[in-house]
Amino acid sequence: ILSAKDVNIQFNLRGKVLHAIRGIDLDLYQGEVLAIVGESGSGKSVFTKTFTGMLESNGSITNGSVMFEGKDLTKLKTDKDWEGIRGAKISTIFQDPMTSLNPIRTIGSQITEVIEKHQGISRGDAKKQAIELMERVGIQNAANRFDEYPFQYSGGMRQRIVIAIALSC
């Protein structure tokens, strides 16, 4: 379902070029689970950001392809190009959930926003679905916790909320 071939990624830093990824290949097949592991700074996040078009602005894919549903994702450039893929078909769950959650918006509003955008359903139905997703990922008393803020959740619970958001897509 996803195939990366000979992917090279570089960053322009203060007038110099940093070669972050060189010649990575990956094939993910339907029904498989794939874990990408490595030391801190080894390029795991940089590589997987190419699957969702989230590479930093000073980064570029200089070689290779990332094929998904017959499309080479390395050729997509704008957010408009990524609509229908990012979030809807490929989601990223970041290790640090605070990079994904807005600290001044309630947990419930952040989940329902994604449901409304990707599924086109009413706010009331989105709220019901959000509460179900919160329960599904192990948030107890989800209906009572819906209007709380990220700082009111532990790190593990925030991670579960990010998973619920990914599932809602």
N, C-alpha and C. Protein backbone atom coordinates (compact mmCIF):
# COMPACT_ATOMS: atom_id res chain seq x y z
N ILE A 1 0.82 -1.21 0.00
CA ILE A 1 0.00 0.00 0.00
C ILE A 1 0.86 1.27 0.00
N LEU A 2 2.11 1.13 0.41
CA LEU A 2 3.04 2.26 0.41
C LEU A 2 4.42 1.72 0.02
N SER A 3 5.07 2.42 -0.90
CA SER A 3 6.38 1.96 -1.36
C SER A 3 7.30 3.16 -1.54
N ALA A 4 8.38 3.16 -0.81
CA ALA A 4 9.39 4.22 -0.93
C ALA A 4 10.64 3.59 -1.56
N LYS A 5 11.18 4.24 -2.54
CA LYS A 5 12.36 3.73 -3.25
C LYS A 5 13.44 4.79 -3.36
N ASP A 6 14.62 4.47 -2.86
CA ASP A 6 15.81 5.30 -3.00
C ASP A 6 15.57 6.77 -2.61
N VAL A 7 14.89 6.97 -1.47
CA VAL A 7 14.55 8.32 -1.02
C VAL A 7 15.77 9.00 -0.41
N ASN A 8 16.04 10.21 -0.89
CA ASN A 8 17.09 11.08 -0.35
C ASN A 8 16.44 12.39 0.07
N ILE A 9 16.79 12.85 1.25
CA ILE A 9 16.25 14.11 1.76
C ILE A 9 17.41 14.96 2.27
N GLN A 10 17.37 16.24 1.93
CA GLN A 10 18.40 17.14 2.41
C GLN A 10 17.76 18.41 2.96
N PHE A 11 18.52 19.10 3.81
CA PHE A 11 18.09 20.36 4.39
C PHE A 11 19.14 21.43 4.08
N ASN A 12 18.67 22.63 3.82
CA ASN A 12 19.55 23.78 3.66
C ASN A 12 19.61 24.49 5.00
N LEU A 13 20.80 24.53 5.58
CA LEU A 13 21.01 25.14 6.89
C LEU A 13 22.13 26.15 6.83
N ARG A 14 21.77 27.42 6.98
CA ARG A 14 22.75 28.50 7.01
C ARG A 14 23.74 28.43 5.84
N GLY A 15 23.21 28.22 4.66
CA GLY A 15 24.06 28.19 3.48
C GLY A 15 24.75 26.87 3.21
N LYS A 16 24.53 25.89 4.06
CA LYS A 16 25.13 24.57 3.87
C LYS A 16 24.04 23.53 3.64
N VAL A 17 24.43 22.41 3.06
CA VAL A 17 23.50 21.33 2.78
C VAL A 17 23.76 20.18 3.76
N LEU A 18 22.69 19.74 4.42
CA LEU A 18 22.76 18.58 5.31
C LEU A 18 22.02 17.43 4.64
N HIS A 19 22.72 16.35 4.35
CA HIS A 19 22.10 15.16 3.76
C HIS A 19 21.56 14.31 4.91
N ALA A 20 20.25 14.38 5.13
CA ALA A 20 19.64 13.72 6.28
C ALA A 20 19.27 12.27 6.00
N ILE A 21 18.80 11.97 4.81
CA ILE A 21 18.36 10.63 4.44
C ILE A 21 19.02 10.28 3.11
N ARG A 22 19.58 9.09 3.04
CA ARG A 22 20.23 8.65 1.79
C ARG A 22 19.78 7.25 1.43
N GLY A 23 19.09 7.14 0.32
CA GLY A 23 18.79 5.83 -0.28
C GLY A 23 17.90 4.90 0.54
N ILE A 24 16.87 5.43 1.18
CA ILE A 24 15.98 4.59 1.99
C ILE A 24 14.93 3.93 1.10
N ASP A 25 14.70 2.65 1.34
CA ASP A 25 13.65 1.88 0.68
C ASP A 25 12.70 1.32 1.74
N LEU A 26 11.43 1.21 1.38
CA LEU A 26 10.43 0.67 2.29
C LEU A 26 9.26 0.16 1.48
N ASP A 27 8.73 -0.99 1.84
CA ASP A 27 7.50 -1.51 1.25
C ASP A 27 6.58 -1.93 2.37
N LEU A 28 5.37 -1.38 2.38
CA LEU A 28 4.37 -1.74 3.37
C LEU A 28 3.20 -2.37 2.64
N TYR A 29 2.84 -3.58 3.06
CA TYR A 29 1.77 -4.33 2.39
C TYR A 29 0.50 -4.31 3.23
N GLN A 30 -0.63 -4.45 2.55
CA GLN A 30 -1.94 -4.49 3.21
C GLN A 30 -1.92 -5.50 4.35
N GLY A 31 -2.41 -5.10 5.51
CA GLY A 31 -2.51 -6.00 6.66
C GLY A 31 -1.25 -6.08 7.51
N GLU A 32 -0.18 -5.45 7.07
CA GLU A 32 1.07 -5.46 7.83
C GLU A 32 1.12 -4.29 8.80
N VAL A 33 1.91 -4.47 9.83
CA VAL A 33 2.27 -3.39 10.74
C VAL A 33 3.77 -3.23 10.63
N LEU A 34 4.19 -2.00 10.47
CA LEU A 34 5.61 -1.73 10.29
C LEU A 34 6.07 -0.76 11.37
N ALA A 35 7.13 -1.09 12.04
CA ALA A 35 7.73 -0.19 13.03
C ALA A 35 9.05 0.31 12.46
N ILE A 36 9.25 1.61 12.55
CA ILE A 36 10.51 2.21 12.14
C ILE A 36 11.22 2.63 13.42
N VAL A 37 12.35 2.01 13.69
CA VAL A 37 13.06 2.28 14.93
C VAL A 37 14.48 2.74 14.62
N GLY A 38 15.04 3.48 15.54
CA GLY A 38 16.41 3.96 15.38
C GLY A 38 16.76 4.94 16.46
N GLU A 39 18.00 5.29 16.51
CA GLU A 39 18.46 6.24 17.52
C GLU A 39 17.88 7.62 17.27
N SER A 40 17.87 8.43 18.31
CA SER A 40 17.45 9.81 18.19
C SER A 40 18.32 10.50 17.14
N GLY A 41 17.67 11.21 16.21
CA GLY A 41 18.41 11.91 15.18
C GLY A 41 18.75 11.07 13.96
N SER A 42 18.24 9.83 13.91
CA SER A 42 18.59 8.96 12.79
C SER A 42 17.75 9.20 11.54
N GLY A 43 16.69 10.02 11.64
CA GLY A 43 15.90 10.36 10.46
C GLY A 43 14.53 9.71 10.37
N LYS A 44 14.09 9.04 11.42
CA LYS A 44 12.78 8.36 11.38
C LYS A 44 11.65 9.36 11.08
N SER A 45 11.60 10.43 11.85
CA SER A 45 10.53 11.42 11.67
C SER A 45 10.66 12.15 10.34
N VAL A 46 11.87 12.51 9.97
CA VAL A 46 12.09 13.20 8.69
C VAL A 46 11.58 12.32 7.55
N PHE A 47 11.94 11.04 7.57
CA PHE A 47 11.52 10.13 6.51
C PHE A 47 10.00 10.00 6.46
N THR A 48 9.36 9.79 7.60
CA THR A 48 7.92 9.56 7.59
C THR A 48 7.12 10.83 7.31
N LYS A 49 7.71 11.99 7.52
CA LYS A 49 7.02 13.24 7.17
C LYS A 49 6.81 13.34 5.66
N THR A 50 7.60 12.63 4.87
CA THR A 50 7.41 12.65 3.42
C THR A 50 6.11 11.95 3.03
N PHE A 51 5.57 11.11 3.91
CA PHE A 51 4.32 10.39 3.61
C PHE A 51 3.10 11.29 3.74
N THR A 52 3.26 12.44 4.41
CA THR A 52 2.13 13.34 4.64
C THR A 52 2.42 14.77 4.18
N GLY A 53 3.54 14.98 3.53
CA GLY A 53 3.87 16.31 3.04
C GLY A 53 4.16 17.30 4.15
N MET A 54 4.71 16.83 5.25
CA MET A 54 4.96 17.69 6.40
C MET A 54 6.44 17.98 6.61
N LEU A 55 7.24 17.79 5.60
CA LEU A 55 8.66 18.08 5.68
C LEU A 55 8.85 19.59 5.90
N GLU A 56 9.79 19.97 6.73
CA GLU A 56 10.04 21.37 7.00
C GLU A 56 10.36 22.13 5.72
N SER A 57 10.12 23.43 5.72
CA SER A 57 10.24 24.23 4.50
C SER A 57 11.67 24.28 3.95
N ASN A 58 12.68 24.09 4.81
CA ASN A 58 14.06 24.09 4.32
C ASN A 58 14.53 22.70 3.89
N GLY A 59 13.61 21.73 3.91
CA GLY A 59 13.93 20.37 3.49
C GLY A 59 13.40 20.07 2.11
N SER A 60 14.06 19.16 1.44
CA SER A 60 13.59 18.76 0.11
C SER A 60 13.95 17.30 -0.16
N ILE A 61 13.11 16.68 -0.94
CA ILE A 61 13.35 15.32 -1.39
C ILE A 61 14.14 15.45 -2.69
N THR A 62 15.37 14.99 -2.69
CA THR A 62 16.25 15.21 -3.85
C THR A 62 16.32 14.01 -4.78
N ASN A 63 15.79 12.86 -4.31
CA ASN A 63 15.81 11.68 -5.16
C ASN A 63 14.79 10.69 -4.63
N GLY A 64 14.34 9.82 -5.50
CA GLY A 64 13.48 8.72 -5.09
C GLY A 64 12.00 9.02 -5.25
N SER A 65 11.20 8.02 -4.84
CA SER A 65 9.75 8.13 -4.95
C SER A 65 9.10 7.51 -3.72
N VAL A 66 7.90 8.00 -3.42
CA VAL A 66 7.06 7.41 -2.38
C VAL A 66 5.70 7.20 -3.02
N MET A 67 5.40 5.96 -3.37
CA MET A 67 4.18 5.64 -4.10
C MET A 67 3.06 5.22 -3.15
N PHE A 68 1.89 5.82 -3.34
CA PHE A 68 0.68 5.49 -2.58
C PHE A 68 -0.51 5.62 -3.51
N GLU A 69 -1.25 4.55 -3.68
CA GLU A 69 -2.43 4.52 -4.55
C GLU A 69 -2.12 5.05 -5.95
N GLY A 70 -0.97 4.66 -6.47
CA GLY A 70 -0.60 5.05 -7.83
C GLY A 70 -0.06 6.46 -7.97
N LYS A 71 0.05 7.19 -6.85
CA LYS A 71 0.57 8.56 -6.89
C LYS A 71 1.94 8.61 -6.25
N ASP A 72 2.83 9.38 -6.86
CA ASP A 72 4.14 9.62 -6.27
C ASP A 72 4.00 10.82 -5.34
N LEU A 73 4.00 10.56 -4.03
CA LEU A 73 3.79 11.60 -3.04
C LEU A 73 4.90 12.66 -3.06
N THR A 74 6.05 12.32 -3.60
CA THR A 74 7.14 13.31 -3.65
C THR A 74 6.84 14.43 -4.64
N LYS A 75 5.87 14.23 -5.50
CA LYS A 75 5.52 15.23 -6.50
C LYS A 75 4.46 16.21 -6.00
N LEU A 76 3.82 15.92 -4.86
CA LEU A 76 2.80 16.80 -4.32
C LEU A 76 3.47 17.96 -3.60
N LYS A 77 3.03 19.17 -3.86
CA LYS A 77 3.71 20.35 -3.32
C LYS A 77 2.84 21.22 -2.41
N THR A 78 1.56 21.36 -2.72
CA THR A 78 0.70 22.29 -1.98
C THR A 78 -0.25 21.53 -1.04
N ASP A 79 -0.80 22.26 -0.07
CA ASP A 79 -1.80 21.66 0.81
C ASP A 79 -2.99 21.14 0.01
N LYS A 80 -3.35 21.84 -1.05
CA LYS A 80 -4.45 21.40 -1.92
C LYS A 80 -4.13 20.04 -2.53
N ASP A 81 -2.86 19.85 -2.95
CA ASP A 81 -2.44 18.56 -3.50
C ASP A 81 -2.62 17.44 -2.47
N TRP A 82 -2.40 17.76 -1.19
CA TRP A 82 -2.44 16.76 -0.12
C TRP A 82 -3.85 16.47 0.40
N GLU A 83 -4.84 17.32 0.04
CA GLU A 83 -6.21 17.07 0.49
C GLU A 83 -6.65 15.70 0.02
N GLY A 84 -7.32 14.99 0.88
CA GLY A 84 -7.78 13.65 0.54
C GLY A 84 -6.77 12.57 0.86
N ILE A 85 -5.53 12.94 1.15
CA ILE A 85 -4.52 11.97 1.56
C ILE A 85 -4.15 12.21 3.01
N ARG A 86 -3.63 13.42 3.30
CA ARG A 86 -3.19 13.74 4.66
C ARG A 86 -4.39 13.73 5.60
N GLY A 87 -4.33 12.89 6.60
CA GLY A 87 -5.41 12.79 7.57
C GLY A 87 -6.48 11.80 7.16
N ALA A 88 -6.89 11.85 5.90
CA ALA A 88 -7.96 10.97 5.43
C ALA A 88 -7.48 9.55 5.15
N LYS A 89 -6.27 9.43 4.60
CA LYS A 89 -5.75 8.10 4.24
C LYS A 89 -4.44 7.78 4.93
N ILE A 90 -3.64 8.80 5.21
CA ILE A 90 -2.38 8.61 5.93
C ILE A 90 -2.36 9.62 7.08
N SER A 91 -2.19 9.12 8.28
CA SER A 91 -2.13 9.99 9.45
C SER A 91 -0.83 9.76 10.19
N THR A 92 -0.43 10.79 10.90
CA THR A 92 0.77 10.72 11.72
C THR A 92 0.38 10.89 13.17
N ILE A 93 0.90 10.03 14.01
CA ILE A 93 0.71 10.17 15.45
C ILE A 93 2.09 10.49 16.02
N PHE A 94 2.26 11.75 16.41
CA PHE A 94 3.56 12.18 16.91
C PHE A 94 3.78 11.68 18.33
N GLN A 95 5.04 11.45 18.66
CA GLN A 95 5.37 10.94 19.99
C GLN A 95 5.01 11.95 21.07
N ASP A 96 5.25 13.23 20.81
CA ASP A 96 4.91 14.27 21.78
C ASP A 96 3.57 14.88 21.39
N PRO A 97 2.49 14.51 22.09
CA PRO A 97 1.16 14.98 21.69
C PRO A 97 0.97 16.48 21.80
N MET A 98 1.79 17.16 22.60
CA MET A 98 1.61 18.60 22.73
C MET A 98 2.02 19.34 21.46
N THR A 99 2.74 18.68 20.56
CA THR A 99 3.04 19.32 19.28
C THR A 99 1.83 19.24 18.35
N SER A 100 0.86 18.40 18.68
CA SER A 100 -0.32 18.22 17.85
C SER A 100 -1.56 18.90 18.43
N LEU A 101 -1.60 19.09 19.74
CA LEU A 101 -2.78 19.64 20.39
C LEU A 101 -2.61 21.13 20.65
N ASN A 102 -3.69 21.87 20.46
CA ASN A 102 -3.70 23.30 20.74
C ASN A 102 -4.01 23.49 22.22
N PRO A 103 -3.10 24.10 22.98
CA PRO A 103 -3.29 24.19 24.43
C PRO A 103 -4.43 25.10 24.87
N ILE A 104 -4.94 25.96 23.98
CA ILE A 104 -6.02 26.87 24.39
C ILE A 104 -7.39 26.47 23.84
N ARG A 105 -7.46 25.27 23.27
CA ARG A 105 -8.75 24.73 22.81
C ARG A 105 -9.04 23.44 23.55
N THR A 106 -10.32 23.20 23.79
CA THR A 106 -10.69 21.98 24.52
C THR A 106 -10.37 20.74 23.68
N ILE A 107 -10.18 19.66 24.40
CA ILE A 107 -9.93 18.37 23.75
C ILE A 107 -11.08 18.04 22.79
N GLY A 108 -12.30 18.19 23.29
CA GLY A 108 -13.47 17.85 22.47
C GLY A 108 -13.56 18.66 21.19
N SER A 109 -13.27 19.95 21.28
CA SER A 109 -13.36 20.79 20.08
C SER A 109 -12.33 20.38 19.04
N GLN A 110 -11.18 19.92 19.50
CA GLN A 110 -10.12 19.52 18.56
C GLN A 110 -10.48 18.21 17.85
N ILE A 111 -11.12 17.30 18.55
CA ILE A 111 -11.52 16.04 17.91
C ILE A 111 -12.70 16.29 16.96
N THR A 112 -13.71 17.05 17.42
CA THR A 112 -14.89 17.28 16.58
C THR A 112 -14.55 18.06 15.31
N GLU A 113 -13.60 18.99 15.41
CA GLU A 113 -13.19 19.75 14.23
C GLU A 113 -12.71 18.81 13.12
N VAL A 114 -11.91 17.83 13.49
CA VAL A 114 -11.38 16.88 12.51
C VAL A 114 -12.51 16.01 11.94
N ILE A 115 -13.41 15.56 12.81
CA ILE A 115 -14.54 14.73 12.34
C ILE A 115 -15.40 15.52 11.37
N GLU A 116 -15.73 16.76 11.72
CA GLU A 116 -16.56 17.58 10.85
C GLU A 116 -15.88 17.80 9.50
N LYS A 117 -14.59 18.08 9.52
CA LYS A 117 -13.86 18.35 8.27
C LYS A 117 -13.79 17.12 7.37
N HIS A 118 -13.44 15.97 7.97
CA HIS A 118 -13.20 14.79 7.15
C HIS A 118 -14.47 14.00 6.83
N GLN A 119 -15.49 14.11 7.69
CA GLN A 119 -16.68 13.30 7.47
C GLN A 119 -17.90 14.12 7.08
N GLY A 120 -17.82 15.43 7.23
CA GLY A 120 -18.92 16.29 6.81
C GLY A 120 -20.22 16.05 7.56
N ILE A 121 -20.12 15.80 8.87
CA ILE A 121 -21.33 15.55 9.66
C ILE A 121 -21.58 16.73 10.59
N SER A 122 -22.77 16.76 11.19
CA SER A 122 -23.15 17.88 12.06
C SER A 122 -22.30 17.91 13.32
N ARG A 123 -22.29 19.06 13.95
CA ARG A 123 -21.51 19.23 15.19
C ARG A 123 -22.00 18.27 16.28
N GLY A 124 -23.31 18.10 16.39
CA GLY A 124 -23.86 17.19 17.41
C GLY A 124 -23.43 15.75 17.18
N ASP A 125 -23.52 15.31 15.93
CA ASP A 125 -23.09 13.94 15.61
C ASP A 125 -21.59 13.79 15.79
N ALA A 126 -20.86 14.84 15.44
CA ALA A 126 -19.39 14.80 15.61
C ALA A 126 -19.04 14.69 17.10
N LYS A 127 -19.78 15.38 17.95
CA LYS A 127 -19.52 15.30 19.39
C LYS A 127 -19.76 13.88 19.91
N LYS A 128 -20.86 13.28 19.48
CA LYS A 128 -21.15 11.89 19.89
C LYS A 128 -20.03 10.96 19.45
N GLN A 129 -19.60 11.12 18.22
CA GLN A 129 -18.53 10.27 17.70
C GLN A 129 -17.21 10.53 18.44
N ALA A 130 -16.93 11.78 18.75
CA ALA A 130 -15.71 12.12 19.48
C ALA A 130 -15.69 11.46 20.85
N ILE A 131 -16.81 11.50 21.55
CA ILE A 131 -16.90 10.86 22.87
C ILE A 131 -16.68 9.35 22.74
N GLU A 132 -17.28 8.75 21.71
CA GLU A 132 -17.08 7.31 21.48
C GLU A 132 -15.60 7.00 21.22
N LEU A 133 -14.95 7.85 20.42
CA LEU A 133 -13.52 7.64 20.14
C LEU A 133 -12.69 7.80 21.40
N MET A 134 -13.02 8.78 22.21
CA MET A 134 -12.30 8.98 23.47
C MET A 134 -12.41 7.73 24.35
N GLU A 135 -13.61 7.17 24.42
CA GLU A 135 -13.81 5.95 25.20
C GLU A 135 -13.04 4.79 24.59
N ARG A 136 -13.06 4.73 23.28
CA ARG A 136 -12.40 3.63 22.56
C ARG A 136 -10.89 3.60 22.82
N VAL A 137 -10.29 4.78 23.00
CA VAL A 137 -8.85 4.82 23.26
C VAL A 137 -8.52 4.80 24.75
N GLY A 138 -9.55 4.61 25.58
CA GLY A 138 -9.31 4.41 27.00
C GLY A 138 -9.45 5.62 27.90
N ILE A 139 -10.14 6.67 27.45
CA ILE A 139 -10.40 7.82 28.31
C ILE A 139 -11.67 7.54 29.11
N GLN A 140 -11.52 7.41 30.40
CA GLN A 140 -12.68 7.14 31.26
C GLN A 140 -13.47 8.43 31.47
N ASN A 141 -14.78 8.29 31.63
CA ASN A 141 -15.68 9.44 31.80
C ASN A 141 -15.50 10.45 30.66
N ALA A 142 -15.44 9.94 29.44
CA ALA A 142 -15.15 10.78 28.28
C ALA A 142 -16.13 11.94 28.13
N ALA A 143 -17.41 11.70 28.37
CA ALA A 143 -18.40 12.77 28.22
C ALA A 143 -18.11 13.91 29.20
N ASN A 144 -17.66 13.58 30.39
CA ASN A 144 -17.34 14.60 31.39
C ASN A 144 -16.01 15.30 31.11
N ARG A 145 -15.13 14.65 30.36
CA ARG A 145 -13.79 15.20 30.10
C ARG A 145 -13.71 15.91 28.75
N PHE A 146 -14.80 15.87 28.00
CA PHE A 146 -14.85 16.42 26.64
C PHE A 146 -14.46 17.90 26.60
N ASP A 147 -14.86 18.69 27.58
CA ASP A 147 -14.61 20.13 27.58
C ASP A 147 -13.37 20.54 28.37
N GLU A 148 -12.51 19.58 28.65
CA GLU A 148 -11.27 19.90 29.35
C GLU A 148 -10.18 20.26 28.34
N TYR A 149 -9.10 20.83 28.86
CA TYR A 149 -7.99 21.29 28.03
C TYR A 149 -6.82 20.30 28.12
N PRO A 150 -5.92 20.33 27.14
CA PRO A 150 -4.80 19.38 27.15
C PRO A 150 -4.00 19.37 28.45
N PHE A 151 -3.80 20.51 29.09
CA PHE A 151 -3.01 20.53 30.32
C PHE A 151 -3.67 19.75 31.45
N GLN A 152 -4.96 19.46 31.32
CA GLN A 152 -5.68 18.71 32.35
C GLN A 152 -5.53 17.20 32.16
N TYR A 153 -4.85 16.79 31.11
CA TYR A 153 -4.63 15.38 30.80
C TYR A 153 -3.16 15.04 31.05
N SER A 154 -2.91 13.82 31.46
CA SER A 154 -1.52 13.35 31.58
C SER A 154 -0.93 13.18 30.18
N GLY A 155 0.38 13.00 30.11
CA GLY A 155 1.03 12.79 28.81
C GLY A 155 0.47 11.59 28.07
N GLY A 156 0.24 10.50 28.79
CA GLY A 156 -0.31 9.29 28.18
C GLY A 156 -1.72 9.50 27.67
N MET A 157 -2.50 10.25 28.42
CA MET A 157 -3.88 10.53 27.99
C MET A 157 -3.89 11.46 26.78
N ARG A 158 -2.97 12.42 26.74
CA ARG A 158 -2.87 13.29 25.55
C ARG A 158 -2.50 12.47 24.32
N GLN A 159 -1.62 11.49 24.52
CA GLN A 159 -1.25 10.60 23.41
C GLN A 159 -2.48 9.85 22.92
N ARG A 160 -3.32 9.42 23.83
CA ARG A 160 -4.55 8.72 23.43
C ARG A 160 -5.48 9.63 22.64
N ILE A 161 -5.53 10.91 23.02
CA ILE A 161 -6.37 11.86 22.30
C ILE A 161 -5.85 12.04 20.87
N VAL A 162 -4.56 12.11 20.71
CA VAL A 162 -3.97 12.22 19.37
C VAL A 162 -4.31 10.98 18.55
N ILE A 163 -4.30 9.82 19.16
CA ILE A 163 -4.70 8.59 18.46
C ILE A 163 -6.17 8.67 18.08
N ALA A 164 -7.02 9.17 18.99
CA ALA A 164 -8.45 9.32 18.68
C ALA A 164 -8.63 10.26 17.48
N ILE A 165 -7.86 11.33 17.43
CA ILE A 165 -7.94 12.26 16.30
C ILE A 165 -7.53 11.57 15.01
N ALA A 166 -6.47 10.78 15.05
CA ALA A 166 -6.04 10.04 13.85
C ALA A 166 -7.12 9.06 13.41
N LEU A 167 -7.73 8.37 14.37
CA LEU A 167 -8.80 7.42 14.04
C LEU A 167 -10.02 8.13 13.45
N SER A 168 -10.26 9.35 13.89
CA SER A 168 -11.44 10.08 13.42
C SER A 168 -11.35 10.46 11.95
N CYS A 169 -10.15 10.47 11.42
CA CYS A 169 -9.97 10.83 10.00
C CYS A 169 -10.50 9.73 9.09
